[in-house]
Amino acid sequence: MIAGGGGVKDHIYNLNIDAIEVYNTSSSKKAVEKALNAAKTLNKPAIGSSDAHTVRELNTSYTVIYFADDVINSKTIIDSIKAGRIKPYFKSVSRFFSRLFR
């Protein structure tokens, strides 16, 4: 979120970021397309995260990280993301259906 409310919109092109969240359980197709376009334009890795608000939404959007070696810590996670050794995944969940299980 940008100070003052609202999404990042075109501000994303002026930010110093390492990756862009493309997939999110709550994101619309239009939002995903915009995020993918921004990631490609900025040559940044695309990531996914659940932002789950219900049990049904868990494990619907996530990022698999591939490590260069067997050491896993915050530095190697960040290094892997920056190097693009990641793969985001997304499984669509009906918002109506997911709200039934709140």
C-alpha atoms as a PDB file:
ATOM      1  CA  MET A   1       0.000   0.000   0.000  1.00  0.00           C
ATOM      2  CA  ILE A   2       1.121   3.507  -0.744  1.00  0.00           C
ATOM      3  CA  ALA A   3       0.766   6.194   1.950  1.00  0.00           C
ATOM      4  CA  GLY A   4      -2.667   7.763   1.633  1.00  0.00           C
ATOM      5  CA  GLY A   5      -4.393   4.487   0.755  1.00  0.00           C
ATOM      6  CA  GLY A   6      -4.979   2.600  -2.442  1.00  0.00           C
ATOM      7  CA  GLY A   7      -2.811   0.164  -4.319  1.00  0.00           C
ATOM      8  CA  VAL A   8       0.565   0.771  -5.847  1.00  0.00           C
ATOM      9  CA  LYS A   9      -0.844   1.522  -9.321  1.00  0.00           C
ATOM     10  CA  ASP A  10       1.852   3.187 -11.445  1.00  0.00           C
ATOM     11  CA  HIS A  11       3.948   3.972  -8.350  1.00  0.00           C
ATOM     12  CA  ILE A  12       5.473   0.515  -8.690  1.00  0.00           C
ATOM     13  CA  TYR A  13       7.609   1.766 -11.572  1.00  0.00           C
ATOM     14  CA  ASN A  14       9.303   4.251  -9.219  1.00  0.00           C
ATOM     15  CA  LEU A  15      10.002   1.863  -6.342  1.00  0.00           C
ATOM     16  CA  ASN A  16      13.244   0.041  -5.589  1.00  0.00           C
ATOM     17  CA  ILE A  17      11.873  -3.499  -5.290  1.00  0.00           C
ATOM     18  CA  ASP A  18      13.332  -6.985  -5.664  1.00  0.00           C
ATOM     19  CA  ALA A  19      10.217  -8.887  -6.793  1.00  0.00           C
ATOM     20  CA  ILE A  20       6.541  -8.364  -7.546  1.00  0.00           C
ATOM     21  CA  GLU A  21       3.660 -10.297  -6.007  1.00  0.00           C
ATOM     22  CA  VAL A  22       1.732 -11.461  -9.041  1.00  0.00           C
ATOM     23  CA  TYR A  23      -0.476 -14.205  -7.638  1.00  0.00           C
ATOM     24  CA  ASN A  24      -2.632 -13.699  -4.570  1.00  0.00           C
ATOM     25  CA  THR A  25      -5.812 -15.528  -3.589  1.00  0.00           C
ATOM     26  CA  SER A  26      -7.710 -12.234  -3.535  1.00  0.00           C
ATOM     27  CA  SER A  27      -6.404 -10.860  -6.845  1.00  0.00           C
ATOM     28  CA  SER A  28      -8.629 -10.457  -9.879  1.00  0.00           C
ATOM     29  CA  LYS A  29      -7.521 -11.580 -13.344  1.00  0.00           C
ATOM     30  CA  LYS A  30      -7.024  -7.926 -14.266  1.00  0.00           C
ATOM     31  CA  ALA A  31      -4.779  -7.348 -11.229  1.00  0.00           C
ATOM     32  CA  VAL A  32      -2.733 -10.460 -12.066  1.00  0.00           C
ATOM     33  CA  GLU A  33      -2.282  -9.272 -15.661  1.00  0.00           C
ATOM     34  CA  LYS A  34      -1.136  -5.829 -14.484  1.00  0.00           C
ATOM     35  CA  ALA A  35       1.295  -7.348 -11.984  1.00  0.00           C
ATOM     36  CA  LEU A  36       2.703  -9.762 -14.583  1.00  0.00           C
ATOM     37  CA  ASN A  37       3.169  -6.871 -17.001  1.00  0.00           C
ATOM     38  CA  ALA A  38       4.957  -4.818 -14.333  1.00  0.00           C
ATOM     39  CA  ALA A  39       7.229  -7.759 -13.448  1.00  0.00           C
ATOM     40  CA  LYS A  40       8.154  -8.255 -17.100  1.00  0.00           C
ATOM     41  CA  THR A  41       8.628  -4.534 -17.751  1.00  0.00           C
ATOM     42  CA  LEU A  42      10.826  -4.101 -14.680  1.00  0.00           C
ATOM     43  CA  ASN A  43      12.590  -7.445 -15.217  1.00  0.00           C
ATOM     44  CA  LYS A  44      11.677  -8.524 -11.677  1.00  0.00           C
ATOM     45  CA  PRO A  45      10.826 -12.017 -10.452  1.00  0.00           C
ATOM     46  CA  ALA A  46       7.116 -12.768 -10.017  1.00  0.00           C
ATOM     47  CA  ILE A  47       6.042 -14.292  -6.705  1.00  0.00           C
ATOM     48  CA  GLY A  48       2.827 -15.683  -5.277  1.00  0.00           C
ATOM     49  CA  SER A  49       1.449 -15.549  -1.751  1.00  0.00           C
ATOM     50  CA  SER A  50      -1.884 -16.616  -0.311  1.00  0.00           C
ATOM     51  CA  ASP A  51      -3.006 -13.590   1.712  1.00  0.00           C
ATOM     52  CA  ALA A  52      -5.453 -16.206   3.019  1.00  0.00           C
ATOM     53  CA  HIS A  53      -8.424 -15.017   5.031  1.00  0.00           C
ATOM     54  CA  THR A  54     -10.088 -18.433   5.241  1.00  0.00           C
ATOM     55  CA  VAL A  55      -8.923 -22.028   5.638  1.00  0.00           C
ATOM     56  CA  ARG A  56     -10.180 -22.766   2.103  1.00  0.00           C
ATOM     57  CA  GLU A  57      -7.751 -20.172   0.693  1.00  0.00           C
ATOM     58  CA  LEU A  58      -4.659 -21.742   2.265  1.00  0.00           C
ATOM     59  CA  ASN A  59      -2.228 -23.279  -0.227  1.00  0.00           C
ATOM     60  CA  THR A  60      -3.928 -21.619  -3.201  1.00  0.00           C
ATOM     61  CA  SER A  61      -1.108 -19.258  -4.090  1.00  0.00           C
ATOM     62  CA  TYR A  62       2.520 -19.702  -3.139  1.00  0.00           C
ATOM     63  CA  THR A  63       6.091 -19.526  -4.391  1.00  0.00           C
ATOM     64  CA  VAL A  64       8.519 -22.431  -4.651  1.00  0.00           C
ATOM     65  CA  ILE A  65      12.103 -21.309  -4.070  1.00  0.00           C
ATOM     66  CA  TYR A  66      15.054 -23.175  -5.568  1.00  0.00           C
ATOM     67  CA  PHE A  67      18.301 -22.786  -3.640  1.00  0.00           C
ATOM     68  CA  ALA A  68      21.805 -22.740  -5.109  1.00  0.00           C
ATOM     69  CA  ASP A  69      23.078 -24.871  -2.216  1.00  0.00           C
ATOM     70  CA  ASP A  70      21.823 -26.654   0.902  1.00  0.00           C
ATOM     71  CA  VAL A  71      22.006 -23.584   3.149  1.00  0.00           C
ATOM     72  CA  ILE A  72      18.590 -22.066   3.808  1.00  0.00           C
ATOM     73  CA  ASN A  73      18.386 -18.769   5.651  1.00  0.00           C
ATOM     74  CA  SER A  74      17.023 -15.288   5.023  1.00  0.00           C
ATOM     75  CA  LYS A  75      20.006 -14.355   2.844  1.00  0.00           C
ATOM     76  CA  THR A  76      19.741 -17.412   0.582  1.00  0.00           C
ATOM     77  CA  ILE A  77      15.973 -16.906   0.293  1.00  0.00           C
ATOM     78  CA  ILE A  78      16.458 -13.301  -0.827  1.00  0.00           C
ATOM     79  CA  ASP A  79      19.331 -14.274  -3.137  1.00  0.00           C
ATOM     80  CA  SER A  80      17.202 -16.978  -4.768  1.00  0.00           C
ATOM     81  CA  ILE A  81      14.288 -14.587  -5.299  1.00  0.00           C
ATOM     82  CA  LYS A  82      16.524 -11.882  -6.778  1.00  0.00           C
ATOM     83  CA  ALA A  83      18.171 -14.446  -9.071  1.00  0.00           C
ATOM     84  CA  GLY A  84      14.772 -15.658 -10.263  1.00  0.00           C
ATOM     85  CA  ARG A  85      15.228 -19.177  -8.888  1.00  0.00           C
ATOM     86  CA  ILE A  86      11.542 -19.272  -8.018  1.00  0.00           C
ATOM     87  CA  LYS A  87       8.240 -20.422  -9.459  1.00  0.00           C
ATOM     88  CA  PRO A  88       4.930 -18.897  -8.368  1.00  0.00           C
ATOM     89  CA  TYR A  89       1.813 -21.082  -8.336  1.00  0.00           C
ATOM     90  CA  PHE A  90      -1.859 -20.153  -8.227  1.00  0.00           C
ATOM     91  CA  LYS A  91      -5.056 -22.166  -7.870  1.00  0.00           C
ATOM     92  CA  SER A  92      -8.236 -20.144  -8.280  1.00  0.00           C
ATOM     93  CA  VAL A  93     -10.763 -20.291  -5.451  1.00  0.00           C
ATOM     94  CA  SER A  94     -14.255 -18.895  -5.817  1.00  0.00           C
ATOM     95  CA  ARG A  95     -14.587 -15.921  -3.471  1.00  0.00           C
ATOM     96  CA  PHE A  96     -18.196 -16.904  -2.797  1.00  0.00           C
ATOM     97  CA  PHE A  97     -17.201 -20.477  -1.932  1.00  0.00           C
ATOM     98  CA  SER A  98     -14.279 -19.402   0.250  1.00  0.00           C
ATOM     99  CA  ARG A  99     -16.535 -17.073   2.268  1.00  0.00           C
ATOM    100  CA  LEU A 100     -18.799 -19.995   3.185  1.00  0.00           C
ATOM    101  CA  PHE A 101     -15.997 -21.356   5.379  1.00  0.00           C
ATOM    102  CA  ARG A 102     -15.084 -18.237   7.342  1.00  0.00           C
END
